[in-house]
PDB file of all heavy atoms in Angstrom:
ATOM      1  N   PHE A   1       0.901  -1.152  -0.026  1.00  0.00           N
ATOM      2  CA  PHE A   1       0.062   0.072  -0.023  1.00  0.00           C
ATOM      3  C   PHE A   1       0.918   1.179   0.005  1.00  0.00           C
ATOM      4  O   PHE A   1       1.540   1.548   1.032  1.00  0.00           O
ATOM      5  CB  PHE A   1      -0.817   0.010   1.243  1.00  0.00           C
ATOM      6  CG  PHE A   1      -1.923   1.096   1.384  1.00  0.00           C
ATOM      7  CD1 PHE A   1      -3.209   0.834   0.927  1.00  0.00           C
ATOM      8  CD2 PHE A   1      -1.654   2.251   1.832  1.00  0.00           C
ATOM      9  CE1 PHE A   1      -4.231   1.821   0.989  1.00  0.00           C
ATOM     10  CE2 PHE A   1      -2.492   3.299   1.915  1.00  0.00           C
ATOM     11  CZ  PHE A   1      -3.841   3.047   1.448  1.00  0.00           C
ATOM     12  N   SER A   2       1.003   1.897  -1.165  1.00  0.00           N
ATOM     13  CA  SER A   2       1.847   3.061  -1.290  1.00  0.00           C
ATOM     14  C   SER A   2       1.022   4.258  -1.327  1.00  0.00           C
ATOM     15  O   SER A   2       0.108   4.420  -2.150  1.00  0.00           O
ATOM     16  CB  SER A   2       2.674   2.948  -2.580  1.00  0.00           C
ATOM     17  OG  SER A   2       3.398   4.093  -2.953  1.00  0.00           O
ATOM     18  N   GLY A   3       1.306   5.214  -0.446  1.00  0.00           N
ATOM     19  CA  GLY A   3       0.481   6.369  -0.458  1.00  0.00           C
ATOM     20  C   GLY A   3       1.132   7.605   0.217  1.00  0.00           C
ATOM     21  O   GLY A   3       2.177   7.466   0.969  1.00  0.00           O
ATOM     22  N   PRO A   4       0.605   8.792   0.015  1.00  0.00           N
ATOM     23  CA  PRO A   4       1.108   9.999   0.662  1.00  0.00           C
ATOM     24  C   PRO A   4       0.829  10.055   2.109  1.00  0.00           C
ATOM     25  O   PRO A   4       0.077   9.233   2.625  1.00  0.00           O
ATOM     26  CB  PRO A   4       0.383  11.144  -0.149  1.00  0.00           C
ATOM     27  CG  PRO A   4      -0.847  10.481  -0.594  1.00  0.00           C
ATOM     28  CD  PRO A   4      -0.542   9.125  -0.859  1.00  0.00           C
ATOM     29  N   VAL A   5       1.336  11.016   2.854  1.00  0.00           N
ATOM     30  CA  VAL A   5       0.960  11.197   4.100  1.00  0.00           C
ATOM     31  C   VAL A   5      -0.523  11.421   4.359  1.00  0.00           C
ATOM     32  O   VAL A   5      -1.146  12.030   3.543  1.00  0.00           O
ATOM     33  CB  VAL A   5       1.747  12.416   4.788  1.00  0.00           C
ATOM     34  CG1 VAL A   5       3.290  12.134   4.818  1.00  0.00           C
ATOM     35  CG2 VAL A   5       1.510  13.661   4.036  1.00  0.00           C
ATOM     36  N   GLY A   6      -1.088  10.866   5.436  1.00  0.00           N
ATOM     37  CA  GLY A   6      -2.492  11.109   5.587  1.00  0.00           C
ATOM     38  C   GLY A   6      -3.384  10.200   4.879  1.00  0.00           C
ATOM     39  O   GLY A   6      -4.625  10.405   4.846  1.00  0.00           O
ATOM     40  N   SER A   7      -2.826   9.099   4.243  1.00  0.00           N
ATOM     41  CA  SER A   7      -3.627   8.336   3.312  1.00  0.00           C
ATOM     42  C   SER A   7      -4.129   7.047   4.010  1.00  0.00           C
ATOM     43  O   SER A   7      -4.857   6.196   3.403  1.00  0.00           O
ATOM     44  CB  SER A   7      -3.017   7.828   2.086  1.00  0.00           C
ATOM     45  OG  SER A   7      -1.820   7.201   2.413  1.00  0.00           O
ATOM     46  N   GLY A   8      -3.953   6.920   5.355  1.00  0.00           N
ATOM     47  CA  GLY A   8      -4.432   5.876   6.086  1.00  0.00           C
ATOM     48  C   GLY A   8      -3.636   4.513   6.024  1.00  0.00           C
ATOM     49  O   GLY A   8      -4.253   3.396   6.174  1.00  0.00           O
ATOM     50  N   LYS A   9      -2.300   4.656   5.814  1.00  0.00           N
ATOM     51  CA  LYS A   9      -1.471   3.469   5.655  1.00  0.00           C
ATOM     52  C   LYS A   9      -1.443   2.729   6.974  1.00  0.00           C
ATOM     53  O   LYS A   9      -1.505   1.493   6.860  1.00  0.00           O
ATOM     54  CB  LYS A   9      -0.102   3.937   5.270  1.00  0.00           C
ATOM     55  CG  LYS A   9      -0.076   4.676   3.841  1.00  0.00           C
ATOM     56  CD  LYS A   9       1.345   4.959   3.434  1.00  0.00           C
ATOM     57  CE  LYS A   9       2.025   5.927   4.283  1.00  0.00           C
ATOM     58  NZ  LYS A   9       1.378   7.339   4.265  1.00  0.00           N
ATOM     59  N   SER A  10      -1.261   3.322   8.074  1.00  0.00           N
ATOM     60  CA  SER A  10      -1.034   2.493   9.293  1.00  0.00           C
ATOM     61  C   SER A  10      -2.320   1.832   9.734  1.00  0.00           C
ATOM     62  O   SER A  10      -2.403   0.718  10.293  1.00  0.00           O
ATOM     63  CB  SER A  10      -0.625   3.392  10.476  1.00  0.00           C
ATOM     64  OG  SER A  10       0.813   3.496  10.403  1.00  0.00           O
ATOM     65  N   GLN A  11      -3.474   2.547   9.504  1.00  0.00           N
ATOM     66  CA  GLN A  11      -4.760   1.909   9.690  1.00  0.00           C
ATOM     67  C   GLN A  11      -5.021   0.608   8.881  1.00  0.00           C
ATOM     68  O   GLN A  11      -5.427  -0.382   9.346  1.00  0.00           O
ATOM     69  CB  GLN A  11      -5.854   2.924   9.461  1.00  0.00           C
ATOM     70  CG  GLN A  11      -7.312   2.512   9.729  1.00  0.00           C
ATOM     71  CD  GLN A  11      -7.623   2.403  11.227  1.00  0.00           C
ATOM     72  OE1 GLN A  11      -8.644   1.829  11.678  1.00  0.00           O
ATOM     73  NE2 GLN A  11      -6.879   3.102  12.063  1.00  0.00           N
ATOM     74  N   ALA A  12      -4.701   0.739   7.507  1.00  0.00           N
ATOM     75  CA  ALA A  12      -4.858  -0.349   6.654  1.00  0.00           C
ATOM     76  C   ALA A  12      -3.908  -1.521   7.093  1.00  0.00           C
ATOM     77  O   ALA A  12      -4.278  -2.650   7.104  1.00  0.00           O
ATOM     78  CB  ALA A  12      -4.469   0.074   5.284  1.00  0.00           C
ATOM     79  N   LEU A  13      -2.660  -1.196   7.539  1.00  0.00           N
ATOM     80  CA  LEU A  13      -1.761  -2.195   7.964  1.00  0.00           C
ATOM     81  C   LEU A  13      -2.328  -2.954   9.197  1.00  0.00           C
ATOM     82  O   LEU A  13      -2.261  -4.219   9.282  1.00  0.00           O
ATOM     83  CB  LEU A  13      -0.379  -1.506   8.339  1.00  0.00           C
ATOM     84  CG  LEU A  13       0.691  -2.429   8.880  1.00  0.00           C
ATOM     85  CD1 LEU A  13       1.528  -3.025   7.723  1.00  0.00           C
ATOM     86  CD2 LEU A  13       1.532  -1.776   9.886  1.00  0.00           C
ATOM     87  N   CYS A  14      -2.794  -2.253  10.213  1.00  0.00           N
ATOM     88  CA  CYS A  14      -3.227  -2.909  11.423  1.00  0.00           C
ATOM     89  C   CYS A  14      -4.582  -3.607  11.244  1.00  0.00           C
ATOM     90  O   CYS A  14      -4.766  -4.702  11.752  1.00  0.00           O
ATOM     91  CB  CYS A  14      -3.411  -1.853  12.521  1.00  0.00           C
ATOM     92  SG  CYS A  14      -1.691  -1.227  13.008  1.00  0.00           S
ATOM     93  N   GLN A  15      -5.436  -3.120  10.378  1.00  0.00           N
ATOM     94  CA  GLN A  15      -6.723  -3.797  10.061  1.00  0.00           C
ATOM     95  C   GLN A  15      -6.415  -5.105   9.392  1.00  0.00           C
ATOM     96  O   GLN A  15      -7.068  -6.104   9.647  1.00  0.00           O
ATOM     97  CB  GLN A  15      -7.620  -2.847   9.178  1.00  0.00           C
ATOM     98  CG  GLN A  15      -8.173  -1.685   9.932  1.00  0.00           C
ATOM     99  CD  GLN A  15      -9.306  -1.995  11.010  1.00  0.00           C
ATOM    100  OE1 GLN A  15      -9.706  -3.112  11.089  1.00  0.00           O
ATOM    101  NE2 GLN A  15      -9.749  -0.958  11.671  1.00  0.00           N
ATOM    102  N   GLU A  16      -5.463  -5.085   8.413  1.00  0.00           N
ATOM    103  CA  GLU A  16      -5.164  -6.312   7.780  1.00  0.00           C
ATOM    104  C   GLU A  16      -4.485  -7.345   8.704  1.00  0.00           C
ATOM    105  O   GLU A  16      -4.759  -8.518   8.598  1.00  0.00           O
ATOM    106  CB  GLU A  16      -4.150  -5.996   6.593  1.00  0.00           C
ATOM    107  CG  GLU A  16      -3.832  -7.228   5.737  1.00  0.00           C
ATOM    108  CD  GLU A  16      -4.994  -7.587   4.855  1.00  0.00           C
ATOM    109  OE1 GLU A  16      -6.076  -6.956   4.779  1.00  0.00           O
ATOM    110  OE2 GLU A  16      -4.793  -8.674   4.247  1.00  0.00           O
ATOM    111  N   ALA A  17      -3.720  -6.804   9.638  1.00  0.00           N
ATOM    112  CA  ALA A  17      -3.042  -7.785  10.634  1.00  0.00           C
ATOM    113  C   ALA A  17      -4.138  -8.440  11.503  1.00  0.00           C
ATOM    114  O   ALA A  17      -4.070  -9.659  11.739  1.00  0.00           O
ATOM    115  CB  ALA A  17      -2.107  -7.042  11.547  1.00  0.00           C
ATOM    116  N   ILE A  18      -5.071  -7.719  11.930  1.00  0.00           N
ATOM    117  CA  ILE A  18      -6.190  -8.201  12.771  1.00  0.00           C
ATOM    118  C   ILE A  18      -7.004  -9.217  12.066  1.00  0.00           C
ATOM    119  O   ILE A  18      -7.285 -10.379  12.436  1.00  0.00           O
ATOM    120  CB  ILE A  18      -7.060  -7.117  13.383  1.00  0.00           C
ATOM    121  CG1 ILE A  18      -6.300  -6.200  14.312  1.00  0.00           C
ATOM    122  CG2 ILE A  18      -8.355  -7.698  13.871  1.00  0.00           C
ATOM    123  CD1 ILE A  18      -7.089  -4.953  14.724  1.00  0.00           C
ATOM    124  N   ARG A  19      -7.325  -8.875  10.688  1.00  0.00           N
ATOM    125  CA  ARG A  19      -8.077  -9.829   9.860  1.00  0.00           C
ATOM    126  C   ARG A  19      -7.412 -11.195   9.643  1.00  0.00           C
ATOM    127  O   ARG A  19      -7.908 -12.241   9.856  1.00  0.00           O
ATOM    128  CB  ARG A  19      -8.313  -9.157   8.494  1.00  0.00           C
ATOM    129  CG  ARG A  19      -9.321  -9.851   7.660  1.00  0.00           C
ATOM    130  CD  ARG A  19      -9.513  -9.226   6.353  1.00  0.00           C
ATOM    131  NE  ARG A  19      -8.371  -9.299   5.495  1.00  0.00           N
ATOM    132  CZ  ARG A  19      -8.055 -10.383   4.640  1.00  0.00           C
ATOM    133  NH1 ARG A  19      -8.930 -11.395   4.542  1.00  0.00           N
ATOM    134  NH2 ARG A  19      -7.092 -10.363   3.831  1.00  0.00           N
ATOM    135  N   LEU A  20      -6.048 -11.043   9.378  1.00  0.00           N
ATOM    136  CA  LEU A  20      -5.350 -12.304   9.154  1.00  0.00           C
ATOM    137  C   LEU A  20      -5.102 -13.071  10.423  1.00  0.00           C
ATOM    138  O   LEU A  20      -4.834 -14.324  10.351  1.00  0.00           O
ATOM    139  CB  LEU A  20      -3.939 -11.919   8.480  1.00  0.00           C
ATOM    140  CG  LEU A  20      -4.072 -11.581   6.945  1.00  0.00           C
ATOM    141  CD1 LEU A  20      -2.670 -11.054   6.496  1.00  0.00           C
ATOM    142  CD2 LEU A  20      -4.595 -12.591   6.126  1.00  0.00           C
ATOM    143  N   SER A  21      -5.048 -12.427  11.548  1.00  0.00           N
ATOM    144  CA  SER A  21      -4.975 -13.167  12.838  1.00  0.00           C
ATOM    145  C   SER A  21      -6.188 -14.008  13.119  1.00  0.00           C
ATOM    146  O   SER A  21      -6.135 -15.008  13.764  1.00  0.00           O
ATOM    147  CB  SER A  21      -4.654 -12.302  14.084  1.00  0.00           C
ATOM    148  OG  SER A  21      -5.797 -11.436  14.368  1.00  0.00           O
ATOM    149  N   TYR A  22      -7.375 -13.546  12.573  1.00  0.00           N
ATOM    150  CA  TYR A  22      -8.602 -14.340  12.718  1.00  0.00           C
ATOM    151  C   TYR A  22      -8.693 -15.467  11.647  1.00  0.00           C
ATOM    152  O   TYR A  22      -9.103 -16.590  11.801  1.00  0.00           O
ATOM    153  CB  TYR A  22      -9.805 -13.397  12.612  1.00  0.00           C
ATOM    154  CG  TYR A  22     -10.251 -12.811  13.937  1.00  0.00           C
ATOM    155  CD1 TYR A  22      -9.515 -11.653  14.425  1.00  0.00           C
ATOM    156  CD2 TYR A  22     -11.215 -13.313  14.715  1.00  0.00           C
ATOM    157  CE1 TYR A  22      -9.798 -11.139  15.649  1.00  0.00           C
ATOM    158  CE2 TYR A  22     -11.484 -12.793  16.005  1.00  0.00           C
ATOM    159  CZ  TYR A  22     -10.812 -11.694  16.412  1.00  0.00           C
ATOM    160  OH  TYR A  22     -11.122 -11.110  17.582  1.00  0.00           O
ATOM    161  N   VAL A  23      -8.280 -15.059  10.398  1.00  0.00           N
ATOM    162  CA  VAL A  23      -8.260 -16.097   9.397  1.00  0.00           C
ATOM    163  C   VAL A  23      -7.415 -17.199   9.701  1.00  0.00           C
ATOM    164  O   VAL A  23      -7.709 -18.500   9.452  1.00  0.00           O
ATOM    165  CB  VAL A  23      -7.782 -15.410   8.054  1.00  0.00           C
ATOM    166  CG1 VAL A  23      -7.595 -16.494   6.904  1.00  0.00           C
ATOM    167  CG2 VAL A  23      -8.969 -14.432   7.526  1.00  0.00           C
ATOM    168  N   ASN A  24      -6.213 -16.891  10.275  1.00  0.00           N
ATOM    169  CA  ASN A  24      -5.255 -17.913  10.625  1.00  0.00           C
ATOM    170  C   ASN A  24      -5.224 -18.155  12.103  1.00  0.00           C
ATOM    171  O   ASN A  24      -4.311 -17.903  12.869  1.00  0.00           O
ATOM    172  CB  ASN A  24      -3.847 -17.463  10.158  1.00  0.00           C
ATOM    173  CG  ASN A  24      -3.629 -17.321   8.616  1.00  0.00           C
ATOM    174  OD1 ASN A  24      -3.765 -18.361   7.989  1.00  0.00           O
ATOM    175  ND2 ASN A  24      -3.565 -16.146   8.172  1.00  0.00           N
ATOM    176  N   ALA A  25      -6.377 -18.690  12.542  1.00  0.00           N
ATOM    177  CA  ALA A  25      -6.639 -18.849  13.962  1.00  0.00           C
ATOM    178  C   ALA A  25      -5.514 -19.797  14.580  1.00  0.00           C
ATOM    179  O   ALA A  25      -5.193 -20.814  13.963  1.00  0.00           O
ATOM    180  CB  ALA A  25      -7.926 -19.440  14.259  1.00  0.00           C
ATOM    181  N   GLY A  26      -4.952 -19.316  15.690  1.00  0.00           N
ATOM    182  CA  GLY A  26      -3.912 -20.205  16.418  1.00  0.00           C
ATOM    183  C   GLY A  26      -2.650 -20.185  15.803  1.00  0.00           C
ATOM    184  O   GLY A  26      -1.644 -20.746  16.334  1.00  0.00           O
ATOM    185  N   ARG A  27      -2.400 -19.345  14.713  1.00  0.00           N
ATOM    186  CA  ARG A  27      -1.078 -19.236  14.100  1.00  0.00           C
ATOM    187  C   ARG A  27      -0.265 -18.026  14.483  1.00  0.00           C
ATOM    188  O   ARG A  27      -0.834 -17.168  15.069  1.00  0.00           O
ATOM    189  CB  ARG A  27      -1.174 -19.367  12.546  1.00  0.00           C
ATOM    190  CG  ARG A  27      -2.102 -20.411  12.045  1.00  0.00           C
ATOM    191  CD  ARG A  27      -1.894 -21.781  12.693  1.00  0.00           C
ATOM    192  NE  ARG A  27      -0.621 -22.398  12.561  1.00  0.00           N
ATOM    193  CZ  ARG A  27      -0.192 -23.377  13.366  1.00  0.00           C
ATOM    194  NH1 ARG A  27      -0.987 -23.915  14.245  1.00  0.00           N
ATOM    195  NH2 ARG A  27       1.077 -23.810  13.124  1.00  0.00           N
ATOM    196  N   TRP A  28       0.927 -17.923  14.025  1.00  0.00           N
ATOM    197  CA  TRP A  28       1.766 -16.776  14.317  1.00  0.00           C
ATOM    198  C   TRP A  28       1.816 -15.793  13.144  1.00  0.00           C
ATOM    199  O   TRP A  28       1.993 -16.160  12.032  1.00  0.00           O
ATOM    200  CB  TRP A  28       3.233 -17.265  14.705  1.00  0.00           C
ATOM    201  CG  TRP A  28       3.394 -18.024  15.872  1.00  0.00           C
ATOM    202  CD1 TRP A  28       3.030 -19.316  16.092  1.00  0.00           C
ATOM    203  CD2 TRP A  28       3.989 -17.607  17.065  1.00  0.00           C
ATOM    204  NE1 TRP A  28       3.289 -19.702  17.365  1.00  0.00           N
ATOM    205  CE2 TRP A  28       3.933 -18.658  18.087  1.00  0.00           C
ATOM    206  CE3 TRP A  28       4.541 -16.453  17.489  1.00  0.00           C
ATOM    207  CZ2 TRP A  28       4.307 -18.517  19.339  1.00  0.00           C
ATOM    208  CZ3 TRP A  28       5.016 -16.284  18.813  1.00  0.00           C
ATOM    209  CH2 TRP A  28       4.971 -17.381  19.704  1.00  0.00           C
ATOM    210  N   GLY A  29       1.832 -14.507  13.475  1.00  0.00           N
ATOM    211  CA  GLY A  29       2.115 -13.454  12.529  1.00  0.00           C
ATOM    212  C   GLY A  29       3.057 -12.474  13.158  1.00  0.00           C
ATOM    213  O   GLY A  29       3.416 -12.482  14.365  1.00  0.00           O
ATOM    214  N   LEU A  30       3.534 -11.493  12.356  1.00  0.00           N
ATOM    215  CA  LEU A  30       4.588 -10.543  12.761  1.00  0.00           C
ATOM    216  C   LEU A  30       4.255  -9.179  12.273  1.00  0.00           C
ATOM    217  O   LEU A  30       3.874  -9.019  11.075  1.00  0.00           O
ATOM    218  CB  LEU A  30       6.007 -10.999  12.315  1.00  0.00           C
ATOM    219  CG  LEU A  30       7.161 -10.110  12.771  1.00  0.00           C
ATOM    220  CD1 LEU A  30       8.396 -10.895  12.982  1.00  0.00           C
ATOM    221  CD2 LEU A  30       7.428  -8.970  11.734  1.00  0.00           C
ATOM    222  N   LEU A  31       4.283  -8.224  13.116  1.00  0.00           N
ATOM    223  CA  LEU A  31       4.225  -6.679  12.739  1.00  0.00           C
ATOM    224  C   LEU A  31       5.541  -6.065  13.022  1.00  0.00           C
ATOM    225  O   LEU A  31       6.114  -6.143  14.053  1.00  0.00           O
ATOM    226  CB  LEU A  31       3.101  -6.063  13.608  1.00  0.00           C
ATOM    227  CG  LEU A  31       1.759  -6.053  12.917  1.00  0.00           C
ATOM    228  CD1 LEU A  31       0.765  -5.340  13.953  1.00  0.00           C
ATOM    229  CD2 LEU A  31       1.666  -5.363  11.573  1.00  0.00           C
ATOM    230  N   GLY A  32       6.032  -5.355  11.987  1.00  0.00           N
ATOM    231  CA  GLY A  32       7.426  -4.787  12.151  1.00  0.00           C
ATOM    232  C   GLY A  32       7.391  -3.304  11.751  1.00  0.00           C
ATOM    233  O   GLY A  32       6.526  -2.801  10.902  1.00  0.00           O
ATOM    234  N   ALA A  33       8.340  -2.593  12.195  1.00  0.00           N
ATOM    235  CA  ALA A  33       8.633  -1.216  11.702  1.00  0.00           C
ATOM    236  C   ALA A  33      10.097  -0.991  11.682  1.00  0.00           C
ATOM    237  O   ALA A  33      10.913  -1.806  12.229  1.00  0.00           O
ATOM    238  CB  ALA A  33       7.976  -0.272  12.652  1.00  0.00           C
ATOM    239  N   PRO A  34      10.607   0.057  11.063  1.00  0.00           N
ATOM    240  CA  PRO A  34      12.066   0.256  10.819  1.00  0.00           C
ATOM    241  C   PRO A  34      12.821   0.289  12.170  1.00  0.00           C
ATOM    242  O   PRO A  34      13.963  -0.231  12.228  1.00  0.00           O
ATOM    243  CB  PRO A  34      12.216   1.586   9.981  1.00  0.00           C
ATOM    244  CG  PRO A  34      10.937   1.591   9.357  1.00  0.00           C
ATOM    245  CD  PRO A  34       9.908   1.008  10.194  1.00  0.00           C
ATOM    246  N   THR A  35      12.341   0.935  13.075  1.00  0.00           N
ATOM    247  CA  THR A  35      13.044   1.065  14.442  1.00  0.00           C
ATOM    248  C   THR A  35      12.115   0.782  15.544  1.00  0.00           C
ATOM    249  O   THR A  35      10.895   0.819  15.418  1.00  0.00           O
ATOM    250  CB  THR A  35      13.614   2.502  14.670  1.00  0.00           C
ATOM    251  OG1 THR A  35      12.594   3.418  14.710  1.00  0.00           O
ATOM    252  CG2 THR A  35      14.537   2.834  13.410  1.00  0.00           C
ATOM    253  N   TYR A  36      12.610   0.489  16.766  1.00  0.00           N
ATOM    254  CA  TYR A  36      11.704   0.275  17.867  1.00  0.00           C
ATOM    255  C   TYR A  36      10.874   1.450  18.277  1.00  0.00           C
ATOM    256  O   TYR A  36       9.693   1.293  18.540  1.00  0.00           O
ATOM    257  CB  TYR A  36      12.575  -0.230  19.146  1.00  0.00           C
ATOM    258  CG  TYR A  36      11.620  -0.499  20.342  1.00  0.00           C
ATOM    259  CD1 TYR A  36      10.780  -1.661  20.193  1.00  0.00           C
ATOM    260  CD2 TYR A  36      11.631   0.366  21.361  1.00  0.00           C
ATOM    261  CE1 TYR A  36       9.952  -1.835  21.412  1.00  0.00           C
ATOM    262  CE2 TYR A  36      10.743   0.113  22.511  1.00  0.00           C
ATOM    263  CZ  TYR A  36       9.917  -0.992  22.418  1.00  0.00           C
ATOM    264  OH  TYR A  36       9.091  -1.192  23.428  1.00  0.00           O
ATOM    265  N   PRO A  37      11.380   2.741  18.316  1.00  0.00           N
ATOM    266  CA  PRO A  37      10.516   3.844  18.602  1.00  0.00           C
ATOM    267  C   PRO A  37       9.364   3.936  17.658  1.00  0.00           C
ATOM    268  O   PRO A  37       8.254   4.224  18.059  1.00  0.00           O
ATOM    269  CB  PRO A  37      11.480   5.003  18.587  1.00  0.00           C
ATOM    270  CG  PRO A  37      12.883   4.475  18.880  1.00  0.00           C
ATOM    271  CD  PRO A  37      12.714   3.108  18.263  1.00  0.00           C
ATOM    272  N   MET A  38       9.603   3.695  16.313  1.00  0.00           N
ATOM    273  CA  MET A  38       8.520   3.820  15.322  1.00  0.00           C
ATOM    274  C   MET A  38       7.499   2.671  15.529  1.00  0.00           C
ATOM    275  O   MET A  38       6.362   2.867  15.435  1.00  0.00           O
ATOM    276  CB  MET A  38       9.170   3.727  13.889  1.00  0.00           C
ATOM    277  CG  MET A  38       9.890   4.961  13.530  1.00  0.00           C
ATOM    278  SD  MET A  38      10.814   4.827  11.933  1.00  0.00           S
ATOM    279  CE  MET A  38       9.294   4.811  10.788  1.00  0.00           C
ATOM    280  N   LEU A  39       8.062   1.514  15.864  1.00  0.00           N
ATOM    281  CA  LEU A  39       7.203   0.352  16.156  1.00  0.00           C
ATOM    282  C   LEU A  39       6.231   0.684  17.303  1.00  0.00           C
ATOM    283  O   LEU A  39       5.003   0.471  17.311  1.00  0.00           O
ATOM    284  CB  LEU A  39       8.049  -0.825  16.450  1.00  0.00           C
ATOM    285  CG  LEU A  39       7.226  -2.201  16.801  1.00  0.00           C
ATOM    286  CD1 LEU A  39       6.482  -2.655  15.588  1.00  0.00           C
ATOM    287  CD2 LEU A  39       8.270  -3.183  17.386  1.00  0.00           C
ATOM    288  N   ARG A  40       6.867   1.255  18.411  1.00  0.00           N
ATOM    289  CA  ARG A  40       6.026   1.475  19.592  1.00  0.00           C
ATOM    290  C   ARG A  40       5.133   2.689  19.500  1.00  0.00           C
ATOM    291  O   ARG A  40       3.949   2.463  19.862  1.00  0.00           O
ATOM    292  CB  ARG A  40       7.054   1.820  20.847  1.00  0.00           C
ATOM    293  CG  ARG A  40       6.360   2.085  22.126  1.00  0.00           C
ATOM    294  CD  ARG A  40       7.384   2.577  23.124  1.00  0.00           C
ATOM    295  NE  ARG A  40       7.912   3.921  22.731  1.00  0.00           N
ATOM    296  CZ  ARG A  40       9.261   4.102  22.609  1.00  0.00           C
ATOM    297  NH1 ARG A  40      10.157   3.060  22.818  1.00  0.00           N
ATOM    298  NH2 ARG A  40       9.765   5.188  22.257  1.00  0.00           N
ATOM    299  N   GLU A  41       5.632   3.798  18.838  1.00  0.00           N
ATOM    300  CA  GLU A  41       4.790   4.981  18.890  1.00  0.00           C
ATOM    301  C   GLU A  41       3.820   4.993  17.798  1.00  0.00           C
ATOM    302  O   GLU A  41       2.875   5.800  17.858  1.00  0.00           O
ATOM    303  CB  GLU A  41       5.788   6.247  18.860  1.00  0.00           C
ATOM    304  CG  GLU A  41       6.659   6.377  19.982  1.00  0.00           C
ATOM    305  CD  GLU A  41       7.892   7.195  19.705  1.00  0.00           C
ATOM    306  OE1 GLU A  41       7.880   7.894  18.745  1.00  0.00           O
ATOM    307  OE2 GLU A  41       8.804   7.191  20.577  1.00  0.00           O
ATOM    308  N   ALA A  42       4.093   4.344  16.637  1.00  0.00           N
ATOM    309  CA  ALA A  42       2.973   4.420  15.554  1.00  0.00           C
ATOM    310  C   ALA A  42       2.321   3.063  15.344  1.00  0.00           C
ATOM    311  O   ALA A  42       1.164   2.972  15.524  1.00  0.00           O
ATOM    312  CB  ALA A  42       3.855   4.875  14.293  1.00  0.00           C
ATOM    313  N   THR A  43       3.075   1.994  15.035  1.00  0.00           N
ATOM    314  CA  THR A  43       2.468   0.759  14.607  1.00  0.00           C
ATOM    315  C   THR A  43       1.671   0.205  15.751  1.00  0.00           C
ATOM    316  O   THR A  43       0.425  -0.125  15.753  1.00  0.00           O
ATOM    317  CB  THR A  43       3.518  -0.204  14.107  1.00  0.00           C
ATOM    318  OG1 THR A  43       4.398   0.452  13.262  1.00  0.00           O
ATOM    319  CG2 THR A  43       2.769  -1.361  13.411  1.00  0.00           C
ATOM    320  N   GLN A  44       2.316  -0.057  16.981  1.00  0.00           N
ATOM    321  CA  GLN A  44       1.711  -0.663  18.089  1.00  0.00           C
ATOM    322  C   GLN A  44       0.506   0.217  18.693  1.00  0.00           C
ATOM    323  O   GLN A  44      -0.506  -0.325  18.980  1.00  0.00           O
ATOM    324  CB  GLN A  44       2.646  -0.911  19.154  1.00  0.00           C
ATOM    325  CG  GLN A  44       3.552  -2.157  18.875  1.00  0.00           C
ATOM    326  CD  GLN A  44       4.499  -2.460  20.055  1.00  0.00           C
ATOM    327  OE1 GLN A  44       5.374  -1.647  20.402  1.00  0.00           O
ATOM    328  NE2 GLN A  44       4.280  -3.566  20.736  1.00  0.00           N
TER     329      GLN A  44
END
C-alpha cells in the first residue's frame, strides 16, 4: 500500500493484521517497523 502522508496506511496495515490473525486462528504473525521507537509509537 503506497500512499502519501495522511492516506491511512497504518490503519490499513493494522486492520489487515487483525483480519489475518482471525483467518489464521492459532497461528503466528509478525508486525514490524524500521526502528523500535517507530514500532512502539506508531504501529503498536
